[in-house]
Protein backbone atom coordinates (compact mmCIF):
# COMPACT_ATOMS: atom_id res chain seq x y z
CA MET A 1 -0.04 -0.10 0.00
CA LYS A 2 2.85 2.46 0.85
CA LYS A 3 4.37 1.56 -2.23
CA GLY A 4 1.38 2.39 -4.29
CA PHE A 5 0.95 5.96 -2.66
CA LEU A 6 4.70 6.47 -2.81
CA SER A 7 4.25 5.73 -6.75
CA TYR A 8 1.47 8.22 -7.19
CA LEU A 9 3.13 10.82 -5.02
CA VAL A 10 6.21 10.56 -7.28
CA LEU A 11 4.12 10.86 -10.58
CA PHE A 12 2.25 13.59 -9.23
CA ALA A 13 5.50 15.53 -8.61
CA ILE A 14 6.75 14.77 -12.00
CA VAL A 15 3.56 15.95 -13.80
CA LEU A 16 3.52 19.11 -11.63
CA THR A 17 7.03 20.01 -12.48
CA SER A 18 6.80 19.26 -16.07
CA CYS A 19 3.59 21.74 -16.00
CA ASN A 20 5.77 24.29 -14.58
CA ASP A 21 8.49 23.66 -17.06
CA VAL A 22 6.26 23.95 -20.05
CA THR A 23 4.89 27.25 -18.76
CA LEU A 24 8.22 28.58 -17.86
CA ARG A 25 9.35 27.83 -21.82
CA ILE A 26 6.39 29.84 -23.28
CA GLU A 27 6.76 32.65 -20.81
CA ASN A 28 10.62 32.99 -21.84
CA ARG A 29 9.25 32.88 -25.53
CA MET A 30 6.95 35.81 -24.60
CA VAL A 31 9.52 37.86 -23.61
CA GLY A 32 9.97 40.91 -25.95
CA ASP A 33 8.16 43.46 -27.96
CA TRP A 34 5.22 42.55 -29.77
CA GLU A 35 2.60 44.31 -32.39
CA PHE A 36 -0.82 43.41 -33.54
CA GLU A 37 -0.17 41.59 -37.20
CA MET A 38 -4.20 40.53 -37.61
CA VAL A 39 -7.23 41.26 -35.38
CA ARG A 40 -10.80 40.18 -36.04
CA GLU A 41 -13.90 40.48 -34.07
CA PHE A 42 -16.28 37.89 -34.16
CA ASP A 43 -20.27 38.25 -33.18
CA ARG A 44 -21.64 35.45 -31.07
CA PHE A 45 -22.68 33.29 -34.03
CA ALA A 46 -20.56 34.51 -36.95
CA VAL A 47 -18.41 32.11 -38.80
CA ILE A 48 -16.46 35.13 -40.49
CA GLY A 49 -14.95 37.84 -38.52
CA ASP A 50 -14.50 41.26 -39.04
CA GLU A 51 -10.85 42.46 -39.68
CA VAL A 52 -10.06 45.49 -37.23
CA THR A 53 -6.45 45.19 -37.54
CA GLU A 54 -6.05 48.96 -38.00
CA GLU A 55 -7.61 49.69 -34.95
CA TYR A 56 -4.55 48.34 -33.15
CA GLU A 57 -1.83 49.78 -35.51
CA THR A 58 -0.52 52.09 -32.71
CA VAL A 59 -0.58 49.41 -29.99
CA LEU A 60 2.76 47.98 -28.54
CA ILE A 61 3.00 45.25 -26.18
CA SER A 62 6.04 44.68 -24.04
CA PHE A 63 6.64 41.56 -21.91
CA SER A 64 9.54 41.60 -19.65
CA ASP A 65 11.10 38.41 -18.00
CA ASP A 66 10.24 39.88 -14.40
CA ASN A 67 6.69 39.22 -15.34
CA THR A 68 5.92 43.15 -15.83
CA MET A 69 4.07 44.24 -19.01
CA GLU A 70 3.77 47.49 -20.84
CA TYR A 71 0.68 48.19 -23.42
CA GLN A 72 1.34 51.35 -25.16
CA GLU A 73 -1.60 52.61 -27.27
CA ASN A 74 -1.58 56.05 -28.84
CA GLY A 75 1.18 57.29 -26.74
CA ILE A 76 -0.58 56.44 -23.53
CA VAL A 77 1.17 53.66 -21.41
CA PHE A 78 -0.26 51.13 -19.14
CA SER A 79 2.05 48.98 -17.23
CA GLY A 80 1.43 46.30 -14.55
CA GLU A 81 2.17 42.60 -14.07
CA TRP A 82 1.20 39.71 -16.27
CA ASP A 83 1.08 35.75 -15.64
CA LEU A 84 0.54 32.91 -17.77
CA LYS A 85 -1.61 30.13 -16.36
CA ILE A 86 -2.59 26.43 -17.28
CA ASP A 87 -6.19 25.85 -18.13
CA ASN A 88 -7.23 22.38 -17.66
CA SER A 89 -10.85 22.95 -17.51
CA GLY A 90 -11.80 22.02 -20.93
CA GLU A 91 -11.11 18.83 -23.14
CA GLU A 92 -7.75 20.14 -23.79
CA THR A 93 -4.81 21.78 -21.93
CA ASP A 94 -4.34 25.66 -22.78
CA PHE A 95 -2.81 28.62 -21.62
CA GLU A 96 -4.31 31.69 -20.59
CA LEU A 97 -2.77 35.31 -20.42
CA ILE A 98 -3.87 37.35 -17.31
CA ALA A 99 -2.60 40.86 -16.67
CA PHE A 100 -3.66 43.99 -14.73
CA LEU A 101 -2.57 47.24 -15.99
CA SER A 102 -3.01 51.18 -15.17
CA ASN A 103 -1.58 54.19 -16.48
CA SER A 104 -0.32 57.45 -14.71
CA ASN A 105 -4.05 58.81 -14.69
CA GLY A 106 -5.18 55.85 -12.74
CA GLU A 107 -7.04 54.17 -15.72
CA ILE A 108 -7.08 50.40 -15.34
CA LYS A 109 -6.73 48.05 -18.35
CA GLN A 110 -7.59 44.25 -18.00
CA VAL A 111 -6.12 41.81 -20.39
CA ILE A 112 -7.43 38.17 -20.17
CA TRP A 113 -6.57 35.88 -23.42
CA ASP A 114 -7.57 32.26 -23.65
CA ASN A 115 -6.04 29.80 -25.95
CA VAL A 116 -2.61 31.53 -25.82
CA THR A 117 -0.19 29.80 -28.30
CA ILE A 118 3.34 30.95 -29.46
CA PHE A 119 4.99 29.44 -32.39
CA ASN A 120 7.43 31.09 -35.08
CA ASN A 121 7.66 34.71 -33.21
CA LYS A 122 3.70 34.67 -33.32
CA ILE A 123 1.11 34.83 -30.41
CA ARG A 124 -2.08 33.86 -31.04
CA ALA A 125 -4.78 34.47 -28.72
CA ILE A 126 -8.65 34.71 -28.17
CA GLU A 127 -10.36 37.20 -26.00
CA GLN A 128 -13.68 36.15 -25.12
CA PHE A 129 -16.86 38.22 -23.59
CA ASP A 130 -19.98 37.55 -21.73
CA ASN A 131 -22.26 37.75 -24.58
CA GLY A 132 -20.30 35.27 -26.86
CA ASP A 133 -18.53 37.76 -28.73
CA LEU A 134 -14.74 37.09 -29.27
CA ILE A 135 -11.82 38.71 -30.71
CA ARG A 136 -8.94 36.55 -32.17
CA TYR A 137 -5.48 38.28 -32.11
CA ARG A 138 -2.34 37.39 -33.74
CA LEU A 139 1.04 39.30 -32.73
CA GLU A 140 4.17 39.34 -34.27
CA LYS A 141 7.59 39.59 -32.19
CA ILE A 142 9.38 42.90 -33.38
């Protein structure tokens, strides 16, 4: 009985450590400056979204390795902290980016992106709203 429990404990520790390693590798790839390459807005039941990339042309996002972040939009800088979380709630494991930012005027910006992936210096993510609408983001590292 003790051997079985010990085996499960060791397996749990390995799984927990490997999840942390994966998150750390993805966080390391996020560090740097990013700009929006494509942004599409989807209504709740829409199959094809509206491209709104030009609304994000003045936005620059910077992720630092100390988990601080800057979101610059039209010369206004929001800064704060970001974190990448593993989301196991669905059928697949995916990553969620959460950031709480503010500017010098005390305005607050909250960033919550689901299904975050990073591949070939591109971030892909989805922002979902309570009414079922969503925005798909694709950012490119600069």
